[in-house]
Amino acid sequence: MRKIPILLAVCFGALTMFSCSKSDVLPEEKEEGPGASFIGAWTAKDYSGEVFTYEKLSQLASNQYGYILKTNGRLTVRGNASWCGTPPLTYADFDGTWSFKDNILTLNGGYWGGKTIEKWEILSHSNQEFSAKRLSIEHIR
């Protein structure tokens, strides 16, 4: 009979240690607002003239260029780790911020040589892809 309370205490302790924490919740479940559907990992799918299309992935591969838009306006840019663009390429993650207002997605992120501020006009958008036109890009060293 004494084993049951001990067993219950052990089970409760195990559940407490391995239960979902707040950070385990998908970003789409935590963030609300007009830019919430942009949260996630995005990589280039197509480019035609001035319009480019990005597709959403569950995550970026370690050797894949793209953007990871996170909650609270945080951004990770995965790009070339150095100025050399000759294969084999080495990739690195650079921190930054993002915002979405009046159909303009602004990405303020790092790259190997400093910071980049990009403004994109969103032309079409779904939960799995978006098409945009780059309005401006500024490199800050």
N, C-alpha and C. Protein backbone atom coordinates (compact mmCIF):
# COMPACT_ATOMS: atom_id res chain seq x y z
N MET A 1 0.81 -1.19 0.00
CA MET A 1 0.00 0.00 0.00
C MET A 1 0.86 1.27 0.00
N ARG A 2 2.04 1.22 0.65
CA ARG A 2 2.93 2.38 0.71
C ARG A 2 3.57 2.64 -0.65
N LYS A 3 3.61 1.63 -1.51
CA LYS A 3 4.25 1.78 -2.81
C LYS A 3 3.44 2.68 -3.74
N ILE A 4 2.14 2.71 -3.59
CA ILE A 4 1.29 3.51 -4.48
C ILE A 4 1.60 5.00 -4.35
N PRO A 5 1.64 5.59 -3.13
CA PRO A 5 1.97 7.03 -3.04
C PRO A 5 3.37 7.33 -3.58
N ILE A 6 4.32 6.43 -3.34
CA ILE A 6 5.67 6.65 -3.85
C ILE A 6 5.67 6.60 -5.37
N LEU A 7 4.96 5.62 -5.94
CA LEU A 7 4.85 5.49 -7.39
C LEU A 7 4.18 6.73 -7.99
N LEU A 8 3.12 7.22 -7.34
CA LEU A 8 2.45 8.44 -7.82
C LEU A 8 3.40 9.64 -7.76
N ALA A 9 4.18 9.76 -6.72
CA ALA A 9 5.14 10.87 -6.60
C ALA A 9 6.19 10.79 -7.69
N VAL A 10 6.68 9.61 -7.99
CA VAL A 10 7.67 9.44 -9.05
C VAL A 10 7.07 9.80 -10.40
N CYS A 11 5.84 9.33 -10.66
CA CYS A 11 5.17 9.65 -11.94
C CYS A 11 4.93 11.15 -12.07
N PHE A 12 4.48 11.80 -10.99
CA PHE A 12 4.25 13.24 -11.03
C PHE A 12 5.56 13.98 -11.30
N GLY A 13 6.63 13.56 -10.65
CA GLY A 13 7.94 14.18 -10.87
C GLY A 13 8.40 14.02 -12.30
N ALA A 14 8.21 12.83 -12.88
CA ALA A 14 8.61 12.60 -14.27
C ALA A 14 7.80 13.46 -15.22
N LEU A 15 6.50 13.56 -14.98
CA LEU A 15 5.65 14.40 -15.83
C LEU A 15 6.06 15.86 -15.75
N THR A 16 6.40 16.30 -14.56
CA THR A 16 6.81 17.69 -14.38
C THR A 16 8.11 17.98 -15.12
N MET A 17 9.04 17.04 -15.08
CA MET A 17 10.33 17.24 -15.73
C MET A 17 10.23 17.20 -17.25
N PHE A 18 9.32 16.40 -17.81
CA PHE A 18 9.28 16.20 -19.25
C PHE A 18 8.06 16.79 -19.92
N SER A 19 7.28 17.58 -19.23
CA SER A 19 6.11 18.19 -19.85
C SER A 19 6.55 19.33 -20.75
N CYS A 20 5.63 19.79 -21.58
CA CYS A 20 5.94 20.88 -22.51
C CYS A 20 6.15 22.17 -21.74
N SER A 21 7.18 22.87 -22.08
CA SER A 21 7.39 24.19 -21.52
C SER A 21 6.76 25.20 -22.47
N LYS A 22 6.67 26.45 -22.05
CA LYS A 22 6.09 27.48 -22.90
C LYS A 22 6.84 27.63 -24.21
N SER A 23 8.16 27.41 -24.20
CA SER A 23 8.95 27.57 -25.42
C SER A 23 8.75 26.42 -26.40
N ASP A 24 8.13 25.31 -25.96
CA ASP A 24 7.87 24.20 -26.86
C ASP A 24 6.64 24.43 -27.73
N VAL A 25 5.85 25.44 -27.42
CA VAL A 25 4.64 25.72 -28.17
C VAL A 25 5.05 26.34 -29.51
N LEU A 26 4.39 25.93 -30.58
CA LEU A 26 4.72 26.48 -31.89
C LEU A 26 4.57 27.99 -31.90
N PRO A 27 5.46 28.69 -32.61
CA PRO A 27 5.39 30.16 -32.62
C PRO A 27 4.04 30.68 -33.07
N GLU A 28 3.40 30.03 -34.05
CA GLU A 28 2.12 30.51 -34.53
C GLU A 28 1.08 30.51 -33.42
N GLU A 29 1.26 29.67 -32.40
CA GLU A 29 0.31 29.59 -31.31
C GLU A 29 0.56 30.68 -30.27
N LYS A 30 1.74 31.30 -30.29
CA LYS A 30 2.08 32.30 -29.29
C LYS A 30 1.93 33.72 -29.81
N GLU A 31 2.17 33.95 -31.08
CA GLU A 31 2.21 35.29 -31.64
C GLU A 31 0.89 35.60 -32.33
N GLU A 32 0.42 36.80 -32.16
CA GLU A 32 -0.78 37.25 -32.86
C GLU A 32 -0.47 38.56 -33.55
N GLY A 33 -1.33 38.95 -34.46
CA GLY A 33 -1.14 40.22 -35.14
C GLY A 33 -0.97 40.02 -36.63
N PRO A 34 -0.83 41.12 -37.37
CA PRO A 34 -0.79 41.04 -38.83
C PRO A 34 0.41 40.28 -39.40
N GLY A 35 1.53 40.23 -38.71
CA GLY A 35 2.70 39.54 -39.23
C GLY A 35 2.88 38.13 -38.69
N ALA A 36 1.96 37.66 -37.87
CA ALA A 36 2.14 36.36 -37.20
C ALA A 36 2.30 35.21 -38.18
N SER A 37 1.66 35.27 -39.33
CA SER A 37 1.76 34.16 -40.28
C SER A 37 3.13 34.10 -40.96
N PHE A 38 3.97 35.11 -40.79
CA PHE A 38 5.32 35.07 -41.34
C PHE A 38 6.29 34.32 -40.42
N ILE A 39 5.89 34.05 -39.21
CA ILE A 39 6.78 33.38 -38.27
C ILE A 39 7.09 31.98 -38.78
N GLY A 40 8.38 31.68 -38.86
CA GLY A 40 8.82 30.37 -39.34
C GLY A 40 10.08 30.50 -40.16
N ALA A 41 10.49 29.39 -40.76
CA ALA A 41 11.70 29.34 -41.59
C ALA A 41 11.31 29.47 -43.06
N TRP A 42 11.99 30.34 -43.79
CA TRP A 42 11.68 30.63 -45.18
C TRP A 42 12.93 30.53 -46.03
N THR A 43 12.79 29.93 -47.22
CA THR A 43 13.91 29.86 -48.15
C THR A 43 13.42 30.21 -49.56
N ALA A 44 14.33 30.69 -50.39
CA ALA A 44 13.97 31.11 -51.75
C ALA A 44 13.48 29.93 -52.56
N LYS A 45 12.37 30.14 -53.25
CA LYS A 45 11.79 29.10 -54.11
C LYS A 45 11.93 29.47 -55.58
N ASP A 46 11.69 30.76 -55.91
CA ASP A 46 11.68 31.18 -57.30
C ASP A 46 12.00 32.67 -57.37
N TYR A 47 12.56 33.07 -58.51
CA TYR A 47 12.84 34.48 -58.75
C TYR A 47 12.52 34.76 -60.20
N SER A 48 11.69 35.77 -60.44
CA SER A 48 11.31 36.12 -61.80
C SER A 48 11.25 37.64 -61.91
N GLY A 49 12.23 38.21 -62.58
CA GLY A 49 12.28 39.67 -62.71
C GLY A 49 12.47 40.32 -61.36
N GLU A 50 11.54 41.17 -60.97
CA GLU A 50 11.62 41.86 -59.68
C GLU A 50 10.91 41.10 -58.57
N VAL A 51 10.20 40.03 -58.90
CA VAL A 51 9.39 39.31 -57.92
C VAL A 51 10.09 38.02 -57.53
N PHE A 52 10.16 37.78 -56.23
CA PHE A 52 10.72 36.53 -55.74
C PHE A 52 9.72 35.85 -54.82
N THR A 53 9.81 34.54 -54.75
CA THR A 53 8.90 33.75 -53.94
C THR A 53 9.70 32.95 -52.92
N TYR A 54 9.23 32.98 -51.68
CA TYR A 54 9.83 32.20 -50.61
C TYR A 54 8.83 31.15 -50.16
N GLU A 55 9.35 29.98 -49.80
CA GLU A 55 8.48 28.92 -49.27
C GLU A 55 8.84 28.64 -47.82
N LYS A 56 7.82 28.25 -47.06
CA LYS A 56 7.99 27.98 -45.64
C LYS A 56 8.43 26.54 -45.45
N LEU A 57 9.40 26.34 -44.57
CA LEU A 57 9.91 25.02 -44.23
C LEU A 57 9.74 24.79 -42.74
N SER A 58 9.79 23.53 -42.33
CA SER A 58 9.74 23.26 -40.89
C SER A 58 11.00 23.76 -40.22
N GLN A 59 12.13 23.72 -40.94
CA GLN A 59 13.39 24.30 -40.47
C GLN A 59 14.34 24.39 -41.64
N LEU A 60 15.34 25.24 -41.52
CA LEU A 60 16.36 25.36 -42.56
C LEU A 60 17.43 24.31 -42.32
N ALA A 61 17.93 23.73 -43.41
CA ALA A 61 19.09 22.83 -43.29
C ALA A 61 20.31 23.68 -42.92
N SER A 62 21.31 23.06 -42.34
CA SER A 62 22.49 23.81 -41.89
C SER A 62 23.23 24.48 -43.05
N ASN A 63 23.06 23.96 -44.26
CA ASN A 63 23.74 24.54 -45.43
C ASN A 63 22.72 25.18 -46.39
N GLN A 64 21.68 25.78 -45.84
CA GLN A 64 20.62 26.35 -46.66
C GLN A 64 20.41 27.82 -46.33
N TYR A 65 20.44 28.66 -47.36
CA TYR A 65 20.20 30.09 -47.20
C TYR A 65 18.74 30.33 -46.85
N GLY A 66 18.48 31.28 -45.99
CA GLY A 66 17.11 31.64 -45.70
C GLY A 66 16.98 32.53 -44.49
N TYR A 67 15.73 32.72 -44.07
CA TYR A 67 15.39 33.58 -42.95
C TYR A 67 14.54 32.79 -41.98
N ILE A 68 14.77 33.01 -40.69
CA ILE A 68 13.92 32.44 -39.65
C ILE A 68 13.33 33.60 -38.89
N LEU A 69 12.04 33.85 -39.12
CA LEU A 69 11.33 34.92 -38.45
C LEU A 69 10.73 34.34 -37.17
N LYS A 70 11.08 34.94 -36.04
CA LYS A 70 10.67 34.44 -34.74
C LYS A 70 9.71 35.41 -34.07
N THR A 71 9.14 34.97 -32.95
CA THR A 71 8.23 35.83 -32.21
C THR A 71 8.98 37.05 -31.67
N ASN A 72 8.21 38.03 -31.29
CA ASN A 72 8.75 39.28 -30.73
C ASN A 72 9.71 40.00 -31.67
N GLY A 73 9.54 39.80 -32.99
CA GLY A 73 10.33 40.53 -33.97
C GLY A 73 11.78 40.09 -34.08
N ARG A 74 12.11 38.92 -33.54
CA ARG A 74 13.49 38.43 -33.65
C ARG A 74 13.68 37.73 -34.99
N LEU A 75 14.90 37.81 -35.53
CA LEU A 75 15.21 37.28 -36.85
C LEU A 75 16.55 36.57 -36.82
N THR A 76 16.65 35.48 -37.56
CA THR A 76 17.93 34.84 -37.84
C THR A 76 18.07 34.77 -39.35
N VAL A 77 19.18 35.30 -39.86
CA VAL A 77 19.48 35.23 -41.28
C VAL A 77 20.56 34.17 -41.45
N ARG A 78 20.30 33.15 -42.26
CA ARG A 78 21.32 32.14 -42.55
C ARG A 78 21.86 32.45 -43.93
N GLY A 79 23.16 32.77 -43.97
CA GLY A 79 23.78 33.15 -45.23
C GLY A 79 25.25 32.78 -45.25
N ASN A 80 25.92 33.22 -46.30
CA ASN A 80 27.36 32.95 -46.44
C ASN A 80 28.10 33.43 -45.19
N ALA A 81 29.02 32.60 -44.72
CA ALA A 81 29.80 32.95 -43.54
C ALA A 81 30.92 33.93 -43.85
N SER A 82 31.27 34.06 -45.14
CA SER A 82 32.35 34.98 -45.52
C SER A 82 32.07 35.58 -46.88
N TRP A 83 32.96 36.44 -47.33
CA TRP A 83 32.79 37.13 -48.60
C TRP A 83 32.91 36.19 -49.79
N CYS A 84 33.54 35.05 -49.63
CA CYS A 84 33.78 34.13 -50.74
C CYS A 84 32.50 33.40 -51.13
N GLY A 85 32.12 33.49 -52.38
CA GLY A 85 30.92 32.83 -52.87
C GLY A 85 31.20 31.61 -53.72
N THR A 86 32.43 31.12 -53.67
CA THR A 86 32.81 29.95 -54.46
C THR A 86 32.56 28.68 -53.65
N PRO A 87 31.87 27.71 -54.24
CA PRO A 87 31.63 26.45 -53.50
C PRO A 87 32.93 25.75 -53.14
N PRO A 88 32.95 25.02 -52.06
CA PRO A 88 31.82 24.79 -51.15
C PRO A 88 31.61 25.99 -50.22
N LEU A 89 30.35 26.38 -50.07
CA LEU A 89 30.01 27.52 -49.22
C LEU A 89 29.90 27.09 -47.77
N THR A 90 30.25 27.99 -46.90
CA THR A 90 30.06 27.79 -45.47
C THR A 90 29.00 28.78 -45.02
N TYR A 91 28.03 28.29 -44.26
CA TYR A 91 26.93 29.14 -43.83
C TYR A 91 27.05 29.47 -42.35
N ALA A 92 26.48 30.61 -41.98
CA ALA A 92 26.44 31.05 -40.59
C ALA A 92 25.10 31.71 -40.32
N ASP A 93 24.72 31.78 -39.05
CA ASP A 93 23.50 32.45 -38.63
C ASP A 93 23.84 33.83 -38.09
N PHE A 94 23.06 34.82 -38.50
CA PHE A 94 23.25 36.19 -38.07
C PHE A 94 21.95 36.70 -37.47
N ASP A 95 22.02 37.33 -36.30
CA ASP A 95 20.84 37.82 -35.60
C ASP A 95 20.35 39.13 -36.20
N GLY A 96 19.08 39.40 -35.95
CA GLY A 96 18.49 40.64 -36.41
C GLY A 96 17.07 40.79 -35.90
N THR A 97 16.33 41.69 -36.54
CA THR A 97 14.94 41.94 -36.18
C THR A 97 14.11 42.02 -37.46
N TRP A 98 12.79 41.86 -37.31
CA TRP A 98 11.88 42.00 -38.44
C TRP A 98 10.60 42.67 -37.97
N SER A 99 9.89 43.29 -38.93
CA SER A 99 8.59 43.89 -38.64
C SER A 99 7.74 43.84 -39.90
N PHE A 100 6.43 43.91 -39.70
CA PHE A 100 5.49 43.90 -40.81
C PHE A 100 4.44 44.97 -40.57
N LYS A 101 4.36 45.93 -41.48
CA LYS A 101 3.39 47.01 -41.35
C LYS A 101 3.03 47.53 -42.73
N ASP A 102 1.74 47.78 -42.94
CA ASP A 102 1.25 48.33 -44.21
C ASP A 102 1.74 47.53 -45.41
N ASN A 103 1.72 46.21 -45.27
CA ASN A 103 2.10 45.27 -46.33
C ASN A 103 3.60 45.34 -46.69
N ILE A 104 4.41 45.90 -45.80
CA ILE A 104 5.86 45.98 -46.00
C ILE A 104 6.54 45.12 -44.92
N LEU A 105 7.33 44.16 -45.38
CA LEU A 105 8.14 43.33 -44.48
C LEU A 105 9.54 43.94 -44.43
N THR A 106 9.97 44.34 -43.24
CA THR A 106 11.29 44.93 -43.05
C THR A 106 12.17 43.95 -42.30
N LEU A 107 13.32 43.63 -42.89
CA LEU A 107 14.28 42.70 -42.31
C LEU A 107 15.55 43.47 -42.00
N ASN A 108 15.94 43.49 -40.74
CA ASN A 108 17.15 44.17 -40.30
C ASN A 108 18.06 43.09 -39.73
N GLY A 109 18.95 42.57 -40.57
CA GLY A 109 19.75 41.42 -40.16
C GLY A 109 21.22 41.59 -40.46
N GLY A 110 21.98 40.66 -39.93
CA GLY A 110 23.41 40.69 -40.15
C GLY A 110 23.83 39.88 -41.36
N TYR A 111 25.04 40.10 -41.77
CA TYR A 111 25.72 39.27 -42.77
C TYR A 111 27.20 39.35 -42.45
N TRP A 112 28.03 38.64 -43.17
CA TRP A 112 29.45 38.55 -42.83
C TRP A 112 30.16 39.90 -42.78
N GLY A 113 29.64 40.89 -43.49
CA GLY A 113 30.32 42.18 -43.56
C GLY A 113 29.67 43.29 -42.75
N GLY A 114 28.62 42.99 -42.01
CA GLY A 114 27.95 44.03 -41.24
C GLY A 114 26.47 43.76 -41.08
N LYS A 115 25.66 44.78 -41.39
CA LYS A 115 24.20 44.68 -41.28
C LYS A 115 23.55 45.03 -42.61
N THR A 116 22.35 44.47 -42.81
CA THR A 116 21.56 44.77 -44.00
C THR A 116 20.15 45.12 -43.56
N ILE A 117 19.59 46.16 -44.15
CA ILE A 117 18.18 46.50 -43.92
C ILE A 117 17.48 46.36 -45.26
N GLU A 118 16.53 45.44 -45.33
CA GLU A 118 15.76 45.20 -46.55
C GLU A 118 14.30 45.52 -46.31
N LYS A 119 13.66 46.10 -47.30
CA LYS A 119 12.21 46.35 -47.26
C LYS A 119 11.60 45.66 -48.46
N TRP A 120 10.62 44.78 -48.17
CA TRP A 120 9.94 44.02 -49.22
C TRP A 120 8.46 44.36 -49.22
N GLU A 121 7.91 44.61 -50.40
CA GLU A 121 6.46 44.75 -50.54
C GLU A 121 5.89 43.35 -50.77
N ILE A 122 4.98 42.93 -49.91
CA ILE A 122 4.37 41.61 -50.04
C ILE A 122 3.26 41.68 -51.08
N LEU A 123 3.40 40.89 -52.14
CA LEU A 123 2.43 40.89 -53.24
C LEU A 123 1.36 39.83 -53.03
N SER A 124 1.74 38.67 -52.52
CA SER A 124 0.79 37.62 -52.17
C SER A 124 1.37 36.82 -51.03
N HIS A 125 0.49 36.23 -50.22
CA HIS A 125 0.96 35.54 -49.03
C HIS A 125 -0.03 34.46 -48.60
N SER A 126 0.50 33.30 -48.28
CA SER A 126 -0.29 32.24 -47.65
C SER A 126 0.55 31.71 -46.49
N ASN A 127 0.04 30.71 -45.80
CA ASN A 127 0.81 30.14 -44.68
C ASN A 127 2.03 29.38 -45.16
N GLN A 128 2.11 29.03 -46.45
CA GLN A 128 3.20 28.21 -46.95
C GLN A 128 4.15 28.92 -47.91
N GLU A 129 3.75 30.05 -48.47
CA GLU A 129 4.66 30.79 -49.35
C GLU A 129 4.20 32.23 -49.47
N PHE A 130 5.15 33.08 -49.88
CA PHE A 130 4.80 34.46 -50.18
C PHE A 130 5.64 34.94 -51.35
N SER A 131 5.09 35.90 -52.07
CA SER A 131 5.80 36.56 -53.17
C SER A 131 5.96 38.02 -52.79
N ALA A 132 7.12 38.56 -53.14
CA ALA A 132 7.43 39.94 -52.75
C ALA A 132 8.29 40.61 -53.79
N LYS A 133 8.34 41.92 -53.68
CA LYS A 133 9.20 42.74 -54.52
C LYS A 133 10.09 43.55 -53.57
N ARG A 134 11.39 43.52 -53.78
CA ARG A 134 12.31 44.27 -52.92
C ARG A 134 12.18 45.75 -53.25
N LEU A 135 11.85 46.53 -52.24
CA LEU A 135 11.74 47.98 -52.40
C LEU A 135 13.08 48.67 -52.18
N SER A 136 13.84 48.15 -51.19
CA SER A 136 15.14 48.76 -50.91
C SER A 136 16.03 47.78 -50.16
N ILE A 137 17.31 48.02 -50.26
CA ILE A 137 18.31 47.27 -49.50
C ILE A 137 19.43 48.23 -49.14
N GLU A 138 19.84 48.19 -47.88
CA GLU A 138 20.92 49.06 -47.41
C GLU A 138 21.92 48.20 -46.65
N HIS A 139 23.18 48.30 -47.03
CA HIS A 139 24.25 47.57 -46.35
C HIS A 139 24.98 48.55 -45.43
N ILE A 140 25.13 48.17 -44.18
CA ILE A 140 25.81 48.99 -43.19
C ILE A 140 27.03 48.22 -42.70
N ARG A 141 28.20 48.79 -42.88
CA ARG A 141 29.44 48.10 -42.46
C ARG A 141 29.89 48.57 -41.11
